[in-house]
Amino acid sequence: MKKLRIGIVGLGYIGTAKHLAGLSAHRDRAEVVAFCDLELDKAEAAKEKYGNADAYVSTDYHQLLADDSIDVIHVCTWNVTHREITVAALEAGKHVMCEKPMAVTGEDARAMRDAAVKAGKKLSVGFQYRFRDDAEFMRKCADEGRFGEIYAARAHAVRRRGVPTWGVFTDKEKQGGGPLIDLGGHSIDLALWLMGNYDVESVTGVVNYKLGDKPEGNMVAPWDPETYDVEDSAFGFVRFKNGASLFVEAAWALNIRESREGAVTLFGTEGGCDSTQDGDRYLVTLNNVQGGELTTTTPGMPASYYGPGKKATSVVEYMAAKEANVWLDAILNDGDPMVTADQACVVTEILDAIYTSATTGKPVYFD
């Protein structure tokens, strides 16, 4: 079997703890041979831990694109650079796994998708929450018709006080936004995937800048209000062409009782379900009618990141290994990625539309 040669661009937390850790579980099919970051010491450290004998480091991603021996590029850089690097990599004949969000605007996302089609290469986006056991269980229930027609849903991505104080998360110029583009994309992706619906008619949004100067009580450490220029919360309403709807809530700081992120609630004609966070676990509840009575059921499966008999050094690594497995299979066996470019593009278009609607005060209508 051919062993894919991979180059990775961007070696912050996600690039190392997720992408490299996930790929390392599949050394029989892939080897990371090039490590690129603007900070050379990060590239050197990653190469030392994950590189093979002929691996090299660089501070210029163009060096990796010019390397004809590299088959795949993983893009784990600032959000605003995703389009530039991804399109260039595709044009250089590489398959690309881009970390979420796909891009900061719908226009950028569509350009990336179109570049992949033109190049005849595969493009996927890192929405690893699809690989949680609870999400897979909910999808199986939907596929079996247990919910009937799913006509409404909620995408939950809220923290009571959970502003990330590392990296460039609070820098709008580099990230394009705050909790909506960071956390919200994951939950929107889950909701669309579980609903099986990507035909958006319109989006209305509200974005709030209310708590950026109140850093007390943050779960990591107080953030610096002087460098905080993104929203603290955002809300959106998505209407689909078939009449279905999706409510989106995303926040790093919100005066609520409990945080709830990476979670989805589904409402169907035959039943509904929701996922709730309990530490590293996500518990599923099924709601329907049986024998003429309302019933609420919590399945007897773990509904967690891990599942029975599964172990990983971190929840991120567990999902990353599953994500990498499906991604490598898609390339080696010429199949579709789990997260297609078309699907990820719609997620970015919704994110962009919520921001745009909040600015204009008007709904954004899709073609």
Protein backbone atom coordinates (compact mmCIF):
# COMPACT_ATOMS: atom_id res chain seq x y z
CA MET A 1 0.00 0.00 0.00
CA LYS A 2 1.23 3.47 -0.87
CA LYS A 3 2.21 5.52 2.15
CA LEU A 4 1.03 9.11 1.80
CA ARG A 5 3.56 11.87 2.39
CA ILE A 6 2.11 14.80 4.31
CA GLY A 7 3.20 18.35 5.00
CA ILE A 8 1.63 20.39 7.78
CA VAL A 9 1.42 24.17 7.86
CA GLY A 10 0.76 25.74 11.27
CA LEU A 11 1.99 24.06 14.43
CA GLY A 12 -0.01 25.58 17.24
CA TYR A 13 -2.16 23.50 19.58
CA ILE A 14 -4.56 22.21 16.91
CA GLY A 15 -1.79 21.43 14.44
CA THR A 16 0.08 19.32 16.99
CA ALA A 17 -2.41 17.98 19.56
CA LYS A 18 -5.04 17.18 16.94
CA HIS A 19 -3.61 16.78 13.43
CA LEU A 20 -0.19 15.35 14.18
CA ALA A 21 -1.45 13.22 17.04
CA GLY A 22 -4.26 11.86 14.88
CA LEU A 23 -1.99 11.10 11.93
CA SER A 24 0.53 9.37 14.20
CA ALA A 25 -2.04 6.64 14.82
CA HIS A 26 -1.81 5.69 11.13
CA ARG A 27 1.90 5.50 10.42
CA ASP A 28 1.29 2.44 8.26
CA ARG A 29 -0.47 4.63 5.68
CA ALA A 30 0.95 8.12 6.16
CA GLU A 31 4.12 9.89 7.20
CA VAL A 32 4.55 13.56 7.98
CA VAL A 33 7.64 14.69 6.12
CA ALA A 34 7.48 18.51 6.31
CA PHE A 35 6.74 20.82 9.24
CA CYS A 36 6.06 24.50 8.58
CA ASP A 37 5.45 27.35 10.99
CA LEU A 38 6.38 31.02 11.19
CA GLU A 39 8.12 30.15 14.47
CA LEU A 40 10.94 27.76 13.58
CA ASP A 41 11.24 26.35 17.10
CA LYS A 42 7.67 25.05 16.90
CA ALA A 43 8.45 23.31 13.62
CA GLU A 44 11.62 21.79 15.07
CA ALA A 45 9.80 20.51 18.15
CA ALA A 46 7.04 18.93 16.05
CA LYS A 47 9.54 17.31 13.70
CA GLU A 48 11.43 15.85 16.63
CA LYS A 49 8.29 14.22 18.00
CA TYR A 50 6.40 13.25 14.85
CA GLY A 51 8.84 13.37 11.93
CA ASN A 52 10.49 10.50 10.10
CA ALA A 53 14.17 10.23 9.18
CA ASP A 54 14.02 12.49 6.13
CA ALA A 55 11.56 15.07 7.51
CA TYR A 56 12.44 18.76 7.29
CA VAL A 57 11.28 22.09 8.69
CA SER A 58 10.43 25.40 7.05
CA THR A 59 9.01 28.83 7.76
CA ASP A 60 7.64 29.22 4.21
CA TYR A 61 4.74 27.03 3.12
CA HIS A 62 5.67 27.57 -0.54
CA GLN A 63 8.63 25.24 0.02
CA LEU A 64 6.21 22.44 0.87
CA LEU A 65 4.04 23.16 -2.17
CA ALA A 66 7.09 22.98 -4.43
CA ASP A 67 7.99 19.55 -3.04
CA ASP A 68 6.66 17.06 -5.61
CA SER A 69 7.02 14.19 -3.15
CA ILE A 70 4.31 15.60 -0.87
CA ASP A 71 0.81 14.28 -1.52
CA VAL A 72 -1.21 16.06 1.16
CA ILE A 73 -1.12 19.40 2.97
CA HIS A 74 -2.80 20.06 6.33
CA VAL A 75 -3.60 23.74 6.86
CA CYS A 76 -3.74 24.73 10.56
CA THR A 77 -2.99 28.45 10.39
CA TRP A 78 -4.85 31.66 11.23
CA ASN A 79 -8.39 31.60 9.83
CA VAL A 80 -7.80 34.50 7.46
CA THR A 81 -5.00 32.58 5.70
CA HIS A 82 -6.99 29.43 4.97
CA ARG A 83 -8.09 30.45 1.48
CA GLU A 84 -4.66 31.57 0.32
CA ILE A 85 -2.78 28.49 1.48
CA THR A 86 -5.48 25.97 0.58
CA VAL A 87 -5.99 27.25 -2.96
CA ALA A 88 -2.25 27.40 -3.56
CA ALA A 89 -1.82 23.83 -2.28
CA LEU A 90 -4.63 22.52 -4.47
CA GLU A 91 -3.18 24.27 -7.50
CA ALA A 92 0.14 22.64 -6.67
CA GLY A 93 -1.53 19.24 -6.95
CA LYS A 94 -1.94 18.43 -3.25
CA HIS A 95 -4.96 17.10 -1.40
CA VAL A 96 -5.85 19.42 1.48
CA MET A 97 -7.25 18.98 4.97
CA CYS A 98 -8.03 22.47 6.27
CA GLU A 99 -8.73 23.05 9.94
CA LYS A 100 -12.09 24.65 10.71
CA PRO A 101 -13.44 27.12 9.93
CA MET A 102 -13.08 26.52 6.22
CA ALA A 103 -12.71 30.27 5.69
CA VAL A 104 -13.87 33.60 7.10
CA THR A 105 -16.27 34.44 4.26
CA GLY A 106 -18.57 32.53 1.98
CA GLU A 107 -16.70 33.91 -1.02
CA ASP A 108 -13.42 32.49 0.26
CA ALA A 109 -15.01 29.10 0.98
CA ARG A 110 -16.50 28.88 -2.49
CA ALA A 111 -13.13 29.74 -4.01
CA MET A 112 -11.54 26.88 -2.07
CA ARG A 113 -14.25 24.45 -3.10
CA ASP A 114 -13.99 25.46 -6.75
CA ALA A 115 -10.20 25.17 -6.69
CA ALA A 116 -10.50 21.58 -5.45
CA VAL A 117 -12.90 20.71 -8.27
CA LYS A 118 -10.65 22.33 -10.87
CA ALA A 119 -7.54 20.59 -9.56
CA GLY A 120 -9.26 17.23 -9.22
CA LYS A 121 -8.01 16.96 -5.63
CA LYS A 122 -9.75 16.21 -2.37
CA LEU A 123 -10.54 18.95 0.12
CA SER A 124 -11.95 18.40 3.59
CA VAL A 125 -12.39 20.51 6.73
CA GLY A 126 -11.63 19.51 10.31
CA PHE A 127 -15.05 19.15 11.91
CA GLN A 128 -13.96 16.31 14.19
CA TYR A 129 -17.06 16.43 16.41
CA ARG A 130 -18.81 14.22 13.85
CA PHE A 131 -16.58 11.43 15.15
CA ARG A 132 -17.83 11.57 18.74
CA ASP A 133 -19.72 8.44 19.73
CA ASP A 134 -22.85 10.40 20.65
CA ALA A 135 -22.91 12.19 17.28
CA GLU A 136 -22.50 8.91 15.41
CA PHE A 137 -25.34 7.39 17.45
CA MET A 138 -27.66 10.34 16.73
CA ARG A 139 -26.85 10.07 13.02
CA LYS A 140 -27.70 6.36 13.02
CA CYS A 141 -31.03 7.11 14.69
CA ALA A 142 -31.77 9.77 12.07
CA ASP A 143 -30.82 7.40 9.24
CA GLU A 144 -33.13 4.74 10.70
CA GLY A 145 -36.01 7.23 10.63
CA ARG A 146 -36.50 7.30 14.40
CA PHE A 147 -37.10 11.06 14.33
CA GLY A 148 -39.23 11.12 11.20
CA GLU A 149 -38.97 14.45 9.41
CA ILE A 150 -36.49 16.67 11.26
CA TYR A 151 -38.09 20.07 10.84
CA ALA A 152 -36.25 22.10 13.49
CA ALA A 153 -32.98 22.02 15.42
CA ARG A 154 -30.79 24.00 17.76
CA ALA A 155 -27.01 24.29 17.53
CA HIS A 156 -25.50 24.96 20.97
CA ALA A 157 -22.01 26.46 21.32
CA VAL A 158 -22.07 28.49 24.53
CA ARG A 159 -19.72 28.87 27.47
CA ARG A 160 -20.50 30.75 30.66
CA ARG A 161 -16.94 32.10 30.81
CA GLY A 162 -14.58 30.36 28.44
CA VAL A 163 -12.59 32.90 26.47
CA PRO A 164 -9.38 31.32 25.11
CA THR A 165 -6.48 33.46 26.30
CA TRP A 166 -3.77 31.84 24.18
CA GLY A 167 -2.94 32.20 20.50
CA VAL A 168 -4.83 34.79 18.45
CA PHE A 169 -8.42 33.80 19.25
CA THR A 170 -9.44 37.30 20.35
CA ASP A 171 -7.78 39.02 17.36
CA LYS A 172 -10.47 39.71 14.75
CA GLU A 173 -7.94 40.66 12.08
CA LYS A 174 -6.40 37.17 12.17
CA GLN A 175 -9.42 35.06 13.08
CA GLY A 176 -12.31 36.87 11.40
CA GLY A 177 -14.48 36.67 14.50
CA GLY A 178 -14.86 35.20 17.97
CA PRO A 179 -17.01 32.41 19.44
CA LEU A 180 -19.34 32.19 16.44
CA ILE A 181 -16.59 31.35 13.95
CA ASP A 182 -14.66 29.33 16.56
CA LEU A 183 -17.26 27.25 18.41
CA GLY A 184 -20.34 27.93 16.33
CA GLY A 185 -19.03 26.25 13.20
CA HIS A 186 -18.71 22.90 14.97
CA SER A 187 -22.31 22.92 16.21
CA ILE A 188 -23.72 24.17 12.90
CA ASP A 189 -21.85 21.42 11.08
CA LEU A 190 -23.27 18.80 13.44
CA ALA A 191 -26.80 20.15 13.05
CA LEU A 192 -26.72 20.24 9.24
CA TRP A 193 -25.17 16.77 9.08
CA LEU A 194 -27.75 15.27 11.46
CA MET A 195 -30.63 17.03 9.70
CA GLY A 196 -29.28 16.04 6.29
CA ASN A 197 -30.19 19.50 5.07
CA TYR A 198 -27.90 22.02 3.35
CA ASP A 199 -30.47 23.92 1.29
CA VAL A 200 -30.53 27.28 3.06
CA GLU A 201 -33.08 29.94 2.15
CA SER A 202 -32.19 32.77 4.55
CA VAL A 203 -30.19 33.66 7.66
CA THR A 204 -30.82 36.33 10.29
CA GLY A 205 -28.26 37.14 12.98
CA VAL A 206 -27.44 39.20 16.04
CA VAL A 207 -23.89 39.69 17.35
CA ASN A 208 -23.12 41.09 20.81
CA TYR A 209 -20.14 42.99 22.18
CA LYS A 210 -21.28 43.25 25.80
CA LEU A 211 -18.86 41.40 28.11
CA GLY A 212 -15.45 41.93 26.51
CA ASP A 213 -14.45 44.35 29.28
CA LYS A 214 -15.53 41.97 32.09
CA PRO A 215 -12.79 39.30 32.27
CA GLU A 216 -13.51 38.10 35.80
CA GLY A 217 -14.24 34.41 36.33
CA ASN A 218 -12.80 33.10 33.08
CA MET A 219 -12.13 29.36 33.16
CA VAL A 220 -8.46 29.72 32.15
CA ALA A 221 -7.29 33.17 33.16
CA PRO A 222 -8.65 36.69 32.79
CA TRP A 223 -8.38 37.94 29.23
CA ASP A 224 -6.98 41.35 28.34
CA PRO A 225 -9.88 43.68 27.39
CA GLU A 226 -7.41 45.86 25.46
CA THR A 227 -6.71 43.04 22.98
CA TYR A 228 -10.25 41.65 22.87
CA ASP A 229 -11.94 42.92 19.69
CA VAL A 230 -14.28 40.07 18.77
CA GLU A 231 -17.87 39.37 19.80
CA ASP A 232 -18.63 37.67 23.11
CA SER A 233 -21.88 36.09 21.85
CA ALA A 234 -23.88 35.65 18.67
CA PHE A 235 -27.26 34.22 17.73
CA GLY A 236 -28.66 33.20 14.37
CA PHE A 237 -31.80 31.85 12.79
CA VAL A 238 -31.51 29.73 9.66
CA ARG A 239 -34.52 28.95 7.47
CA PHE A 240 -34.22 26.13 4.95
CA LYS A 241 -35.92 25.90 1.59
CA ASN A 242 -38.15 23.04 2.77
CA GLY A 243 -39.42 25.11 5.72
CA ALA A 244 -37.13 23.58 8.35
CA SER A 245 -35.28 25.87 10.75
CA LEU A 246 -32.13 26.01 12.86
CA PHE A 247 -31.44 28.25 15.85
CA VAL A 248 -27.75 28.95 16.50
CA GLU A 249 -26.26 30.16 19.78
CA ALA A 250 -22.53 30.77 20.27
CA ALA A 251 -20.73 32.47 23.15
CA TRP A 252 -17.44 32.57 25.00
CA ALA A 253 -19.01 34.68 27.74
CA LEU A 254 -22.71 34.54 28.55
CA ASN A 255 -24.55 34.85 31.85
CA ILE A 256 -26.13 31.41 31.83
CA ARG A 257 -26.22 28.65 34.43
CA GLU A 258 -24.32 25.98 32.50
CA SER A 259 -22.10 25.87 29.43
CA ARG A 260 -23.23 23.79 26.47
CA GLU A 261 -21.01 23.52 23.42
CA GLY A 262 -20.64 21.12 20.53
CA ALA A 263 -24.21 20.03 21.19
CA VAL A 264 -27.36 19.73 19.09
CA THR A 265 -31.08 19.38 19.77
CA LEU A 266 -33.26 17.82 17.06
CA PHE A 267 -37.05 18.05 16.67
CA GLY A 268 -38.78 15.53 14.41
CA THR A 269 -42.29 14.38 13.61
CA GLU A 270 -41.69 10.96 15.23
CA GLY A 271 -39.32 11.95 17.99
CA GLY A 272 -36.47 14.17 19.03
CA CYS A 273 -33.12 14.02 20.77
CA ASP A 274 -30.47 16.15 22.36
CA SER A 275 -26.87 15.85 23.44
CA THR A 276 -25.69 17.39 26.69
CA GLN A 277 -22.15 17.81 27.92
CA ASP A 278 -21.01 16.12 31.13
CA GLY A 279 -17.29 16.77 31.44
CA ASP A 280 -15.62 14.79 28.64
CA ARG A 281 -18.85 12.88 28.02
CA TYR A 282 -21.79 13.81 25.83
CA LEU A 283 -25.03 12.13 26.90
CA VAL A 284 -27.86 11.50 24.44
CA THR A 285 -31.54 11.69 25.34
CA LEU A 286 -34.24 10.41 22.99
CA ASN A 287 -37.74 11.90 23.31
CA ASN A 288 -40.85 10.38 21.73
CA VAL A 289 -44.21 8.73 22.36
CA GLN A 290 -44.60 5.02 23.05
CA GLY A 291 -47.78 3.20 24.03
CA GLY A 292 -49.59 6.50 24.09
CA GLU A 293 -47.26 7.93 26.71
CA LEU A 294 -44.45 10.48 26.52
CA THR A 295 -41.09 8.77 26.96
CA THR A 296 -37.58 10.02 27.58
CA THR A 297 -34.76 7.53 27.10
CA THR A 298 -31.04 7.68 27.76
CA PRO A 299 -29.43 4.82 25.81
CA GLY A 300 -27.29 2.37 27.70
CA MET A 301 -24.27 3.07 25.53
CA PRO A 302 -21.46 5.31 26.83
CA ALA A 303 -22.35 8.21 24.51
CA SER A 304 -18.94 9.66 25.21
CA TYR A 305 -15.86 10.47 23.21
CA TYR A 306 -14.36 7.10 23.95
CA GLY A 307 -16.87 4.28 23.95
CA PRO A 308 -16.41 0.80 25.42
CA GLY A 309 -12.84 -0.37 25.62
CA LYS A 310 -11.46 2.67 23.81
CA LYS A 311 -8.58 4.67 25.20
CA ALA A 312 -6.68 7.77 24.13
CA THR A 313 -4.39 10.22 25.83
CA SER A 314 -6.94 12.98 25.22
CA VAL A 315 -10.46 13.42 23.88
CA VAL A 316 -9.04 15.50 21.05
CA GLU A 317 -6.62 12.73 20.09
CA TYR A 318 -9.40 10.13 20.03
CA MET A 319 -11.53 12.13 17.60
CA ALA A 320 -8.46 13.13 15.60
CA ALA A 321 -7.40 9.51 15.06
CA LYS A 322 -10.86 8.63 13.74
CA GLU A 323 -10.92 11.74 11.54
CA ALA A 324 -7.47 10.95 10.13
CA ASN A 325 -8.48 7.35 9.44
CA VAL A 326 -11.45 8.34 7.27
CA TRP A 327 -9.50 11.14 5.57
CA LEU A 328 -6.61 8.86 4.59
CA ASP A 329 -9.04 6.21 3.34
CA ALA A 330 -10.77 8.76 1.12
CA ILE A 331 -7.46 9.63 -0.54
CA LEU A 332 -6.05 6.12 -0.85
CA ASN A 333 -9.33 4.59 -2.05
CA ASP A 334 -10.55 7.60 -4.06
CA GLY A 335 -13.70 8.07 -2.00
CA ASP A 336 -15.49 11.11 -0.63
CA PRO A 337 -14.18 12.68 2.58
CA MET A 338 -16.44 12.47 5.62
CA VAL A 339 -16.75 16.27 5.54
CA THR A 340 -17.07 17.38 1.94
CA ALA A 341 -16.04 20.78 0.65
CA ASP A 342 -19.65 21.48 -0.34
CA GLN A 343 -20.88 20.80 3.20
CA ALA A 344 -18.17 22.87 4.86
CA CYS A 345 -18.82 25.69 2.41
CA VAL A 346 -22.45 25.95 3.56
CA VAL A 347 -21.31 26.14 7.20
CA THR A 348 -19.05 29.09 6.37
CA GLU A 349 -21.79 30.75 4.33
CA ILE A 350 -24.10 30.56 7.37
CA LEU A 351 -21.41 31.98 9.68
CA ASP A 352 -20.73 34.79 7.23
CA ALA A 353 -24.45 35.49 6.86
CA ILE A 354 -24.98 35.78 10.63
CA TYR A 355 -22.19 38.37 10.86
CA THR A 356 -23.50 40.20 7.79
CA SER A 357 -27.10 40.22 9.01
CA ALA A 358 -26.00 41.52 12.40
CA THR A 359 -24.21 44.41 10.67
CA THR A 360 -26.98 45.33 8.22
CA GLY A 361 -29.95 44.51 10.42
CA LYS A 362 -31.47 42.55 7.53
CA PRO A 363 -31.82 38.87 6.62
CA VAL A 364 -29.33 37.40 4.15
CA TYR A 365 -31.03 35.45 1.37
CA PHE A 366 -29.25 32.55 -0.35
CA ASP A 367 -29.52 31.85 -4.06
